[in-house]
Amino acid sequence: MRRLNKTTWLLRRAAPPEHGVPPIGHTVLRHAIKECRDWLLQVYVHVERTDAPGPAVIDQRAQRYQVFDRFHIDLILPSLGLFYYAFLPTVRVVTQQDAVVSPHERSAYSVKLYRPPNGVQGWQYDSNGITVLLYLTDNPRSGTTIITGVDSKECTVSPEADSIRLMRGRECYHRAAPVSHAAKVV
């Protein structure tokens, strides 16, 4: 737990309140947490185990990914749940909003695995006021996150491991573009 508190302290120093989330409705904290590589490995080990219960697989025209919901994550990756709660004060500082724990218990935090070819998620708004995307993989060639900010301008973001994207989930229309080369884990 000491490591998570140190991470939260570092994020507070990296993003003081006077900067906050810009008017476009989203911002990024690069190289925010080093536990990402360990978490990614744990997700892959779980996915490869034949006796492990699988996550929900969403395979529709505009949605193609695997999702590990909060209950699944609590079993295979409890430190991610600890991070969720420890990171909340940082979200408040960066967004300058009264961020709260999600009232949606099952989807409060999750891990999504987009596999090539064409792992994708269609355009959506989120139910929570603040969305936090923690990228566990680098994907410079595909699998970008496309965000239409509150200013109606579109922004394309390449996933960068150890980075956190904060956005106004109810106000920023966003999607995950198809992955073509390597898996993307968020």
N, C-alpha and C. Protein backbone atom coordinates (compact mmCIF):
# COMPACT_ATOMS: atom_id res chain seq x y z
N MET A 1 0.82 -1.20 0.00
CA MET A 1 0.00 0.00 0.00
C MET A 1 0.86 1.26 0.00
N ARG A 2 2.03 1.19 0.59
CA ARG A 2 2.91 2.35 0.61
C ARG A 2 3.29 2.78 -0.80
N ARG A 3 3.49 1.83 -1.70
CA ARG A 3 3.84 2.14 -3.07
C ARG A 3 2.71 2.89 -3.78
N LEU A 4 1.48 2.50 -3.54
CA LEU A 4 0.34 3.19 -4.15
C LEU A 4 0.24 4.62 -3.64
N ASN A 5 0.46 4.81 -2.34
CA ASN A 5 0.40 6.16 -1.81
C ASN A 5 1.50 7.03 -2.41
N LYS A 6 2.69 6.46 -2.61
CA LYS A 6 3.78 7.21 -3.24
C LYS A 6 3.39 7.59 -4.67
N THR A 7 2.78 6.65 -5.40
CA THR A 7 2.33 6.94 -6.76
C THR A 7 1.34 8.09 -6.75
N THR A 8 0.38 8.05 -5.84
CA THR A 8 -0.61 9.12 -5.75
C THR A 8 0.06 10.44 -5.46
N TRP A 9 1.05 10.45 -4.57
CA TRP A 9 1.76 11.69 -4.26
C TRP A 9 2.48 12.22 -5.48
N LEU A 10 3.13 11.33 -6.24
CA LEU A 10 3.84 11.75 -7.45
C LEU A 10 2.87 12.35 -8.47
N LEU A 11 1.70 11.73 -8.61
CA LEU A 11 0.72 12.26 -9.56
C LEU A 11 0.22 13.64 -9.12
N ARG A 12 0.03 13.83 -7.84
CA ARG A 12 -0.39 15.14 -7.36
C ARG A 12 0.65 16.20 -7.71
N ARG A 13 1.92 15.85 -7.56
CA ARG A 13 2.97 16.81 -7.89
C ARG A 13 3.02 17.06 -9.39
N ALA A 14 2.74 16.02 -10.20
CA ALA A 14 2.82 16.17 -11.65
C ALA A 14 1.66 16.97 -12.21
N ALA A 15 0.54 17.00 -11.53
CA ALA A 15 -0.64 17.67 -12.05
C ALA A 15 -1.29 18.51 -10.96
N PRO A 16 -0.71 19.68 -10.65
CA PRO A 16 -1.28 20.51 -9.60
C PRO A 16 -2.66 21.04 -9.99
N PRO A 17 -3.48 21.41 -9.00
CA PRO A 17 -4.85 21.83 -9.26
C PRO A 17 -4.99 22.95 -10.27
N GLU A 18 -4.01 23.85 -10.36
CA GLU A 18 -4.18 24.97 -11.29
C GLU A 18 -4.17 24.52 -12.75
N HIS A 19 -3.69 23.31 -13.04
CA HIS A 19 -3.71 22.83 -14.42
C HIS A 19 -5.01 22.12 -14.73
N GLY A 20 -5.42 21.18 -13.91
CA GLY A 20 -6.70 20.51 -14.05
C GLY A 20 -6.95 19.92 -15.43
N VAL A 21 -8.17 19.45 -15.66
CA VAL A 21 -8.58 18.95 -16.96
C VAL A 21 -8.89 20.15 -17.83
N PRO A 22 -8.25 20.26 -19.00
CA PRO A 22 -8.49 21.42 -19.85
C PRO A 22 -9.93 21.50 -20.32
N PRO A 23 -10.32 22.64 -20.87
CA PRO A 23 -11.70 22.83 -21.31
C PRO A 23 -12.17 21.81 -22.33
N ILE A 24 -11.25 21.14 -23.04
CA ILE A 24 -11.67 20.14 -24.03
C ILE A 24 -12.22 18.89 -23.36
N GLY A 25 -11.96 18.71 -22.06
CA GLY A 25 -12.59 17.63 -21.31
C GLY A 25 -11.74 16.39 -21.10
N HIS A 26 -10.46 16.41 -21.53
CA HIS A 26 -9.62 15.25 -21.28
C HIS A 26 -8.16 15.67 -21.17
N THR A 27 -7.38 14.87 -20.44
CA THR A 27 -5.96 15.12 -20.27
C THR A 27 -5.27 13.80 -20.02
N VAL A 28 -3.92 13.79 -20.08
CA VAL A 28 -3.17 12.56 -19.88
C VAL A 28 -2.07 12.78 -18.85
N LEU A 29 -1.82 11.75 -18.06
CA LEU A 29 -0.69 11.71 -17.13
C LEU A 29 0.22 10.60 -17.64
N ARG A 30 1.37 10.95 -18.18
CA ARG A 30 2.27 9.97 -18.79
C ARG A 30 3.18 9.31 -17.74
N HIS A 31 3.46 8.04 -17.99
CA HIS A 31 4.34 7.26 -17.12
C HIS A 31 3.92 7.41 -15.65
N ALA A 32 2.63 7.21 -15.42
CA ALA A 32 2.04 7.49 -14.13
C ALA A 32 2.23 6.40 -13.09
N ILE A 33 2.29 5.16 -13.52
CA ILE A 33 2.36 4.08 -12.54
C ILE A 33 3.16 2.92 -13.11
N LYS A 34 4.08 2.43 -12.35
CA LYS A 34 4.99 1.38 -12.82
C LYS A 34 4.43 -0.03 -12.64
N GLU A 35 3.36 -0.20 -11.89
CA GLU A 35 2.79 -1.53 -11.68
C GLU A 35 2.15 -2.09 -12.94
N CYS A 36 1.99 -1.27 -13.98
CA CYS A 36 1.27 -1.69 -15.19
C CYS A 36 1.86 -2.95 -15.81
N ARG A 37 3.16 -3.07 -15.89
CA ARG A 37 3.78 -4.25 -16.52
C ARG A 37 3.44 -5.52 -15.73
N ASP A 38 3.47 -5.44 -14.41
CA ASP A 38 3.11 -6.59 -13.59
C ASP A 38 1.63 -6.94 -13.79
N TRP A 39 0.78 -5.93 -13.82
CA TRP A 39 -0.65 -6.17 -14.01
C TRP A 39 -0.92 -6.80 -15.36
N LEU A 40 -0.25 -6.32 -16.39
CA LEU A 40 -0.44 -6.87 -17.73
C LEU A 40 -0.06 -8.35 -17.75
N LEU A 41 1.05 -8.69 -17.16
CA LEU A 41 1.48 -10.08 -17.10
C LEU A 41 0.45 -10.94 -16.39
N GLN A 42 -0.10 -10.45 -15.29
CA GLN A 42 -1.11 -11.21 -14.54
C GLN A 42 -2.37 -11.43 -15.37
N VAL A 43 -2.77 -10.43 -16.15
CA VAL A 43 -3.95 -10.58 -17.02
C VAL A 43 -3.68 -11.65 -18.06
N TYR A 44 -2.51 -11.60 -18.73
CA TYR A 44 -2.19 -12.58 -19.75
C TYR A 44 -2.08 -14.00 -19.18
N VAL A 45 -1.49 -14.14 -18.00
CA VAL A 45 -1.40 -15.45 -17.36
C VAL A 45 -2.80 -15.98 -17.11
N HIS A 46 -3.69 -15.14 -16.65
CA HIS A 46 -5.06 -15.57 -16.38
C HIS A 46 -5.78 -15.98 -17.66
N VAL A 47 -5.61 -15.19 -18.72
CA VAL A 47 -6.27 -15.48 -19.98
C VAL A 47 -5.81 -16.83 -20.54
N GLU A 48 -4.53 -17.15 -20.38
CA GLU A 48 -3.97 -18.37 -20.94
C GLU A 48 -4.29 -19.63 -20.13
N ARG A 49 -4.70 -19.48 -18.87
CA ARG A 49 -5.03 -20.65 -18.04
C ARG A 49 -6.31 -21.28 -18.55
N THR A 50 -6.27 -22.54 -18.84
CA THR A 50 -7.45 -23.20 -19.39
C THR A 50 -8.54 -23.44 -18.34
N ASP A 51 -8.15 -23.56 -17.07
CA ASP A 51 -9.14 -23.83 -16.03
C ASP A 51 -9.73 -22.56 -15.42
N ALA A 52 -9.26 -21.39 -15.88
CA ALA A 52 -9.75 -20.13 -15.31
C ALA A 52 -11.06 -19.73 -15.96
N PRO A 53 -11.99 -19.21 -15.16
CA PRO A 53 -13.24 -18.73 -15.76
C PRO A 53 -12.93 -17.54 -16.65
N GLY A 54 -13.54 -17.52 -17.81
CA GLY A 54 -13.24 -16.47 -18.78
C GLY A 54 -14.06 -15.22 -18.55
N PRO A 55 -13.56 -14.10 -19.04
CA PRO A 55 -14.30 -12.86 -18.96
C PRO A 55 -15.40 -12.84 -20.01
N ALA A 56 -16.26 -11.87 -19.91
CA ALA A 56 -17.31 -11.69 -20.91
C ALA A 56 -16.64 -11.34 -22.24
N VAL A 57 -17.09 -11.96 -23.30
CA VAL A 57 -16.58 -11.65 -24.62
C VAL A 57 -17.67 -10.90 -25.37
N ILE A 58 -17.36 -9.70 -25.76
CA ILE A 58 -18.31 -8.87 -26.50
C ILE A 58 -17.90 -8.97 -27.96
N ASP A 59 -18.77 -9.51 -28.82
CA ASP A 59 -18.43 -9.64 -30.23
C ASP A 59 -19.66 -9.27 -31.05
N GLN A 60 -19.77 -7.99 -31.29
CA GLN A 60 -20.83 -7.46 -32.13
C GLN A 60 -20.16 -6.64 -33.20
N ARG A 61 -20.91 -6.09 -34.11
CA ARG A 61 -20.32 -5.35 -35.22
C ARG A 61 -19.41 -4.22 -34.76
N ALA A 62 -19.85 -3.40 -33.82
CA ALA A 62 -19.07 -2.25 -33.38
C ALA A 62 -18.29 -2.51 -32.10
N GLN A 63 -18.42 -3.70 -31.54
CA GLN A 63 -17.76 -4.03 -30.28
C GLN A 63 -17.10 -5.39 -30.41
N ARG A 64 -15.80 -5.45 -30.19
CA ARG A 64 -15.12 -6.74 -30.21
C ARG A 64 -13.96 -6.66 -29.22
N TYR A 65 -14.20 -7.19 -28.01
CA TYR A 65 -13.18 -7.17 -26.97
C TYR A 65 -13.59 -8.12 -25.85
N GLN A 66 -12.65 -8.40 -24.96
CA GLN A 66 -12.95 -9.17 -23.75
C GLN A 66 -12.92 -8.19 -22.60
N VAL A 67 -13.85 -8.35 -21.67
CA VAL A 67 -13.87 -7.46 -20.51
C VAL A 67 -13.83 -8.29 -19.22
N PHE A 68 -12.92 -7.90 -18.34
CA PHE A 68 -12.84 -8.47 -17.00
C PHE A 68 -13.49 -7.44 -16.09
N ASP A 69 -14.66 -7.75 -15.54
CA ASP A 69 -15.34 -6.78 -14.68
C ASP A 69 -14.68 -6.72 -13.31
N ARG A 70 -15.18 -5.84 -12.47
CA ARG A 70 -14.59 -5.59 -11.15
C ARG A 70 -14.49 -6.87 -10.32
N PHE A 71 -15.51 -7.73 -10.37
CA PHE A 71 -15.50 -8.95 -9.57
C PHE A 71 -14.40 -9.90 -10.06
N HIS A 72 -14.22 -9.96 -11.36
CA HIS A 72 -13.16 -10.76 -11.95
C HIS A 72 -11.79 -10.20 -11.56
N ILE A 73 -11.64 -8.89 -11.67
CA ILE A 73 -10.37 -8.24 -11.34
C ILE A 73 -10.02 -8.44 -9.86
N ASP A 74 -11.01 -8.37 -9.00
CA ASP A 74 -10.74 -8.56 -7.57
C ASP A 74 -10.15 -9.95 -7.28
N LEU A 75 -10.49 -10.93 -8.11
CA LEU A 75 -9.95 -12.28 -7.94
C LEU A 75 -8.54 -12.43 -8.51
N ILE A 76 -8.31 -11.86 -9.69
CA ILE A 76 -7.03 -12.11 -10.36
C ILE A 76 -6.01 -10.98 -10.19
N LEU A 77 -6.48 -9.79 -9.83
CA LEU A 77 -5.60 -8.63 -9.78
C LEU A 77 -6.04 -7.66 -8.69
N PRO A 78 -6.06 -8.10 -7.42
CA PRO A 78 -6.58 -7.26 -6.35
C PRO A 78 -5.85 -5.93 -6.20
N SER A 79 -4.58 -5.86 -6.58
CA SER A 79 -3.85 -4.59 -6.45
C SER A 79 -4.43 -3.50 -7.36
N LEU A 80 -5.07 -3.88 -8.46
CA LEU A 80 -5.71 -2.87 -9.32
C LEU A 80 -6.89 -2.24 -8.60
N GLY A 81 -7.64 -3.03 -7.85
CA GLY A 81 -8.74 -2.49 -7.05
C GLY A 81 -8.23 -1.54 -5.98
N LEU A 82 -7.12 -1.89 -5.34
CA LEU A 82 -6.52 -0.99 -4.36
C LEU A 82 -6.10 0.33 -5.02
N PHE A 83 -5.54 0.22 -6.21
CA PHE A 83 -5.14 1.42 -6.94
C PHE A 83 -6.35 2.31 -7.23
N TYR A 84 -7.47 1.70 -7.62
CA TYR A 84 -8.69 2.45 -7.93
C TYR A 84 -9.07 3.37 -6.75
N TYR A 85 -9.06 2.82 -5.56
CA TYR A 85 -9.44 3.61 -4.39
C TYR A 85 -8.34 4.60 -3.99
N ALA A 86 -7.08 4.20 -4.11
CA ALA A 86 -5.97 5.09 -3.75
C ALA A 86 -5.83 6.24 -4.74
N PHE A 87 -6.25 6.04 -5.97
CA PHE A 87 -6.10 7.06 -7.01
C PHE A 87 -7.21 8.12 -6.96
N LEU A 88 -8.30 7.84 -6.29
CA LEU A 88 -9.44 8.76 -6.23
C LEU A 88 -9.06 10.18 -5.78
N PRO A 89 -8.26 10.37 -4.73
CA PRO A 89 -7.87 11.73 -4.36
C PRO A 89 -7.11 12.45 -5.48
N THR A 90 -6.30 11.72 -6.23
CA THR A 90 -5.58 12.33 -7.35
C THR A 90 -6.55 12.78 -8.44
N VAL A 91 -7.57 11.96 -8.71
CA VAL A 91 -8.58 12.34 -9.70
C VAL A 91 -9.25 13.64 -9.27
N ARG A 92 -9.54 13.77 -7.99
CA ARG A 92 -10.15 15.01 -7.48
C ARG A 92 -9.24 16.21 -7.71
N VAL A 93 -7.94 16.03 -7.45
CA VAL A 93 -6.98 17.13 -7.63
C VAL A 93 -6.87 17.53 -9.09
N VAL A 94 -6.71 16.53 -9.96
CA VAL A 94 -6.49 16.81 -11.38
C VAL A 94 -7.75 17.39 -12.03
N THR A 95 -8.91 16.84 -11.72
CA THR A 95 -10.14 17.30 -12.38
C THR A 95 -10.79 18.49 -11.69
N GLN A 96 -10.36 18.75 -10.47
CA GLN A 96 -10.97 19.81 -9.66
C GLN A 96 -12.47 19.59 -9.51
N GLN A 97 -12.86 18.32 -9.41
CA GLN A 97 -14.27 17.95 -9.22
C GLN A 97 -14.37 17.00 -8.02
N ASP A 98 -15.56 16.88 -7.50
CA ASP A 98 -15.79 15.98 -6.38
C ASP A 98 -15.98 14.57 -6.93
N ALA A 99 -14.87 13.94 -7.30
CA ALA A 99 -14.90 12.58 -7.84
C ALA A 99 -15.32 11.61 -6.74
N VAL A 100 -16.16 10.67 -7.11
CA VAL A 100 -16.65 9.67 -6.16
C VAL A 100 -16.45 8.28 -6.75
N VAL A 101 -16.50 7.28 -5.89
CA VAL A 101 -16.46 5.89 -6.33
C VAL A 101 -17.70 5.62 -7.17
N SER A 102 -17.54 4.88 -8.23
CA SER A 102 -18.66 4.58 -9.13
C SER A 102 -19.79 3.89 -8.38
N PRO A 103 -21.03 4.30 -8.63
CA PRO A 103 -22.16 3.61 -8.01
C PRO A 103 -22.47 2.28 -8.71
N HIS A 104 -21.82 2.03 -9.85
CA HIS A 104 -22.04 0.80 -10.61
C HIS A 104 -21.00 -0.22 -10.19
N GLU A 105 -21.37 -1.06 -9.22
CA GLU A 105 -20.41 -1.93 -8.56
C GLU A 105 -19.68 -2.85 -9.53
N ARG A 106 -20.38 -3.46 -10.46
CA ARG A 106 -19.76 -4.41 -11.38
C ARG A 106 -18.78 -3.74 -12.34
N SER A 107 -19.09 -2.52 -12.77
CA SER A 107 -18.24 -1.85 -13.76
C SER A 107 -17.42 -0.70 -13.18
N ALA A 108 -17.30 -0.63 -11.87
CA ALA A 108 -16.53 0.45 -11.26
C ALA A 108 -15.13 0.51 -11.84
N TYR A 109 -14.50 -0.64 -12.01
CA TYR A 109 -13.23 -0.74 -12.73
C TYR A 109 -13.23 -2.07 -13.46
N SER A 110 -12.54 -2.09 -14.57
CA SER A 110 -12.49 -3.29 -15.39
C SER A 110 -11.21 -3.25 -16.23
N VAL A 111 -10.92 -4.37 -16.85
CA VAL A 111 -9.82 -4.45 -17.80
C VAL A 111 -10.43 -4.92 -19.12
N LYS A 112 -10.09 -4.22 -20.19
CA LYS A 112 -10.55 -4.61 -21.52
C LYS A 112 -9.36 -5.06 -22.35
N LEU A 113 -9.54 -6.19 -23.01
CA LEU A 113 -8.51 -6.77 -23.87
C LEU A 113 -9.03 -6.75 -25.30
N TYR A 114 -8.33 -6.00 -26.14
CA TYR A 114 -8.66 -5.90 -27.56
C TYR A 114 -7.60 -6.70 -28.32
N ARG A 115 -8.01 -7.75 -29.03
CA ARG A 115 -7.06 -8.60 -29.74
C ARG A 115 -7.11 -8.32 -31.24
N PRO A 116 -5.95 -8.44 -31.89
CA PRO A 116 -5.96 -8.33 -33.35
C PRO A 116 -6.51 -9.62 -33.94
N PRO A 117 -7.05 -9.62 -35.10
CA PRO A 117 -7.33 -8.42 -35.87
C PRO A 117 -8.69 -7.83 -35.47
N ASN A 118 -8.76 -6.56 -35.47
CA ASN A 118 -10.00 -5.81 -35.34
C ASN A 118 -10.68 -5.81 -33.98
N GLY A 119 -9.92 -5.94 -32.88
CA GLY A 119 -10.51 -5.69 -31.57
C GLY A 119 -10.90 -4.23 -31.53
N VAL A 120 -12.13 -3.93 -31.20
CA VAL A 120 -12.66 -2.57 -31.35
C VAL A 120 -13.77 -2.31 -30.34
N GLN A 121 -14.01 -1.04 -30.05
CA GLN A 121 -15.19 -0.63 -29.29
C GLN A 121 -15.77 0.59 -29.95
N GLY A 122 -17.07 0.58 -30.20
CA GLY A 122 -17.73 1.67 -30.91
C GLY A 122 -17.87 2.93 -30.09
N TRP A 123 -18.40 3.95 -30.74
CA TRP A 123 -18.61 5.26 -30.11
C TRP A 123 -19.52 5.13 -28.91
N GLN A 124 -19.18 5.86 -27.84
CA GLN A 124 -19.97 5.79 -26.61
C GLN A 124 -19.71 6.98 -25.71
N TYR A 125 -20.65 7.21 -24.82
CA TYR A 125 -20.45 8.06 -23.65
C TYR A 125 -20.43 7.12 -22.46
N ASP A 126 -19.83 7.52 -21.36
CA ASP A 126 -19.81 6.69 -20.16
C ASP A 126 -20.87 7.17 -19.18
N SER A 127 -21.25 6.30 -18.25
CA SER A 127 -22.27 6.65 -17.28
C SER A 127 -21.71 7.49 -16.13
N ASN A 128 -20.41 7.42 -15.89
CA ASN A 128 -19.79 8.20 -14.82
C ASN A 128 -19.31 9.54 -15.35
N GLY A 129 -19.30 10.52 -14.48
CA GLY A 129 -18.86 11.85 -14.86
C GLY A 129 -17.39 11.91 -15.23
N ILE A 130 -16.57 11.11 -14.58
CA ILE A 130 -15.13 11.09 -14.86
C ILE A 130 -14.73 9.66 -15.22
N THR A 131 -14.07 9.52 -16.36
CA THR A 131 -13.56 8.23 -16.81
C THR A 131 -12.04 8.25 -16.71
N VAL A 132 -11.48 7.18 -16.19
CA VAL A 132 -10.03 7.04 -16.08
C VAL A 132 -9.63 5.82 -16.90
N LEU A 133 -8.80 6.03 -17.92
CA LEU A 133 -8.27 4.94 -18.73
C LEU A 133 -6.81 4.75 -18.35
N LEU A 134 -6.47 3.58 -17.88
CA LEU A 134 -5.10 3.24 -17.54
C LEU A 134 -4.60 2.27 -18.61
N TYR A 135 -3.69 2.74 -19.44
CA TYR A 135 -3.17 1.91 -20.53
C TYR A 135 -2.10 0.96 -19.99
N LEU A 136 -2.27 -0.34 -20.26
CA LEU A 136 -1.30 -1.33 -19.82
C LEU A 136 -0.35 -1.73 -20.95
N THR A 137 -0.66 -1.35 -22.18
CA THR A 137 0.18 -1.69 -23.32
C THR A 137 0.48 -0.46 -24.16
N ASP A 138 1.57 -0.56 -24.92
CA ASP A 138 1.89 0.43 -25.95
C ASP A 138 1.30 -0.07 -27.26
N ASN A 139 0.68 0.81 -28.02
CA ASN A 139 0.16 0.46 -29.33
C ASN A 139 0.37 1.65 -30.27
N PRO A 140 1.60 1.88 -30.71
CA PRO A 140 1.83 3.05 -31.56
C PRO A 140 1.27 2.91 -32.97
N ARG A 141 0.98 1.66 -33.42
CA ARG A 141 0.56 1.46 -34.81
C ARG A 141 -0.94 1.25 -35.00
N SER A 142 -1.66 0.90 -33.95
CA SER A 142 -3.11 0.69 -34.09
C SER A 142 -3.76 0.73 -32.72
N GLY A 143 -5.09 0.67 -32.72
CA GLY A 143 -5.80 0.64 -31.45
C GLY A 143 -5.87 1.96 -30.73
N THR A 144 -5.86 3.05 -31.47
CA THR A 144 -5.92 4.36 -30.84
C THR A 144 -7.25 4.57 -30.12
N THR A 145 -7.24 5.50 -29.20
CA THR A 145 -8.47 5.96 -28.57
C THR A 145 -8.82 7.28 -29.25
N ILE A 146 -10.03 7.38 -29.74
CA ILE A 146 -10.47 8.58 -30.42
C ILE A 146 -11.50 9.26 -29.53
N ILE A 147 -11.26 10.52 -29.23
CA ILE A 147 -12.10 11.27 -28.30
C ILE A 147 -12.60 12.53 -28.98
N THR A 148 -13.90 12.76 -28.91
CA THR A 148 -14.46 14.03 -29.31
C THR A 148 -14.69 14.80 -28.02
N GLY A 149 -13.88 15.84 -27.81
CA GLY A 149 -13.94 16.61 -26.58
C GLY A 149 -15.20 17.45 -26.47
N VAL A 150 -15.35 18.11 -25.34
CA VAL A 150 -16.52 18.95 -25.14
C VAL A 150 -16.50 20.15 -26.08
N ASP A 151 -15.33 20.43 -26.69
CA ASP A 151 -15.22 21.51 -27.67
C ASP A 151 -15.56 21.02 -29.08
N SER A 152 -16.02 19.75 -29.21
CA SER A 152 -16.41 19.11 -30.46
C SER A 152 -15.24 18.81 -31.40
N LYS A 153 -14.01 18.96 -30.91
CA LYS A 153 -12.85 18.62 -31.73
C LYS A 153 -12.42 17.19 -31.42
N GLU A 154 -12.05 16.48 -32.48
CA GLU A 154 -11.64 15.09 -32.33
C GLU A 154 -10.14 15.00 -32.06
N CYS A 155 -9.78 14.12 -31.14
CA CYS A 155 -8.38 13.91 -30.76
C CYS A 155 -8.11 12.41 -30.83
N THR A 156 -6.97 12.03 -31.42
CA THR A 156 -6.58 10.64 -31.52
C THR A 156 -5.39 10.40 -30.61
N VAL A 157 -5.49 9.40 -29.74
CA VAL A 157 -4.47 9.12 -28.75
C VAL A 157 -3.94 7.71 -28.95
N SER A 158 -2.63 7.57 -29.12
CA SER A 158 -2.02 6.25 -29.19
C SER A 158 -1.81 5.72 -27.77
N PRO A 159 -2.25 4.49 -27.50
CA PRO A 159 -2.05 3.93 -26.17
C PRO A 159 -0.57 3.88 -25.80
N GLU A 160 -0.26 4.33 -24.61
CA GLU A 160 1.10 4.36 -24.10
C GLU A 160 1.08 3.73 -22.71
N ALA A 161 1.76 2.59 -22.56
CA ALA A 161 1.77 1.88 -21.29
C ALA A 161 2.18 2.80 -20.15
N ASP A 162 1.59 2.60 -19.01
CA ASP A 162 1.85 3.36 -17.79
C ASP A 162 1.25 4.77 -17.83
N SER A 163 0.41 5.06 -18.81
CA SER A 163 -0.20 6.38 -18.89
C SER A 163 -1.68 6.29 -18.52
N ILE A 164 -2.16 7.39 -17.98
CA ILE A 164 -3.55 7.47 -17.55
C ILE A 164 -4.22 8.61 -18.30
N ARG A 165 -5.36 8.33 -18.93
CA ARG A 165 -6.15 9.34 -19.61
C ARG A 165 -7.37 9.60 -18.74
N LEU A 166 -7.56 10.85 -18.35
CA LEU A 166 -8.76 11.26 -17.60
C LEU A 166 -9.65 12.06 -18.54
N MET A 167 -10.94 11.77 -18.51
CA MET A 167 -11.86 12.54 -19.35
C MET A 167 -13.23 12.61 -18.70
N ARG A 168 -13.97 13.59 -19.14
CA ARG A 168 -15.36 13.73 -18.70
C ARG A 168 -16.19 12.71 -19.49
N GLY A 169 -16.39 11.56 -18.88
CA GLY A 169 -17.01 10.43 -19.57
C GLY A 169 -18.39 10.68 -20.13
N ARG A 170 -19.19 11.47 -19.45
CA ARG A 170 -20.54 11.76 -19.93
C ARG A 170 -20.56 12.80 -21.03
N GLU A 171 -19.46 13.54 -21.17
CA GLU A 171 -19.43 14.65 -22.13
C GLU A 171 -18.53 14.40 -23.33
N CYS A 172 -17.57 13.51 -23.20
CA CYS A 172 -16.62 13.22 -24.29
C CYS A 172 -17.03 11.92 -24.98
N TYR A 173 -17.44 12.05 -26.23
CA TYR A 173 -17.79 10.90 -27.06
C TYR A 173 -16.48 10.23 -27.44
N HIS A 174 -16.36 8.91 -27.26
CA HIS A 174 -15.08 8.26 -27.50
C HIS A 174 -15.27 6.83 -27.96
N ARG A 175 -14.19 6.31 -28.58
CA ARG A 175 -14.21 4.92 -29.03
C ARG A 175 -12.79 4.38 -29.09
N ALA A 176 -12.68 3.06 -29.17
CA ALA A 176 -11.40 2.39 -29.36
C ALA A 176 -11.34 1.93 -30.81
N ALA A 177 -10.39 2.48 -31.57
CA ALA A 177 -10.22 2.09 -32.96
C ALA A 177 -9.71 0.66 -33.03
N PRO A 178 -9.91 -0.02 -34.16
CA PRO A 178 -9.47 -1.42 -34.29
C PRO A 178 -7.97 -1.60 -34.08
N VAL A 179 -7.62 -2.71 -33.42
CA VAL A 179 -6.21 -3.07 -33.30
C VAL A 179 -5.88 -4.01 -34.46
N SER A 180 -4.71 -3.82 -35.03
CA SER A 180 -4.33 -4.66 -36.17
C SER A 180 -3.04 -5.44 -35.93
N HIS A 181 -2.19 -4.99 -35.02
CA HIS A 181 -0.89 -5.63 -34.86
C HIS A 181 -0.75 -6.36 -33.53
N ALA A 182 -0.83 -5.65 -32.45
CA ALA A 182 -0.63 -6.22 -31.11
C ALA A 182 -1.87 -5.97 -30.28
N ALA A 183 -2.07 -6.81 -29.27
CA ALA A 183 -3.21 -6.65 -28.38
C ALA A 183 -3.10 -5.32 -27.62
N LYS A 184 -4.23 -4.77 -27.29
CA LYS A 184 -4.30 -3.55 -26.49
C LYS A 184 -5.03 -3.92 -25.20
N VAL A 185 -4.45 -3.52 -24.06
CA VAL A 185 -5.07 -3.80 -22.77
C VAL A 185 -5.21 -2.48 -22.02
N VAL A 186 -6.46 -2.18 -21.64
CA VAL A 186 -6.79 -0.94 -20.93
C VAL A 186 -7.51 -1.30 -19.66
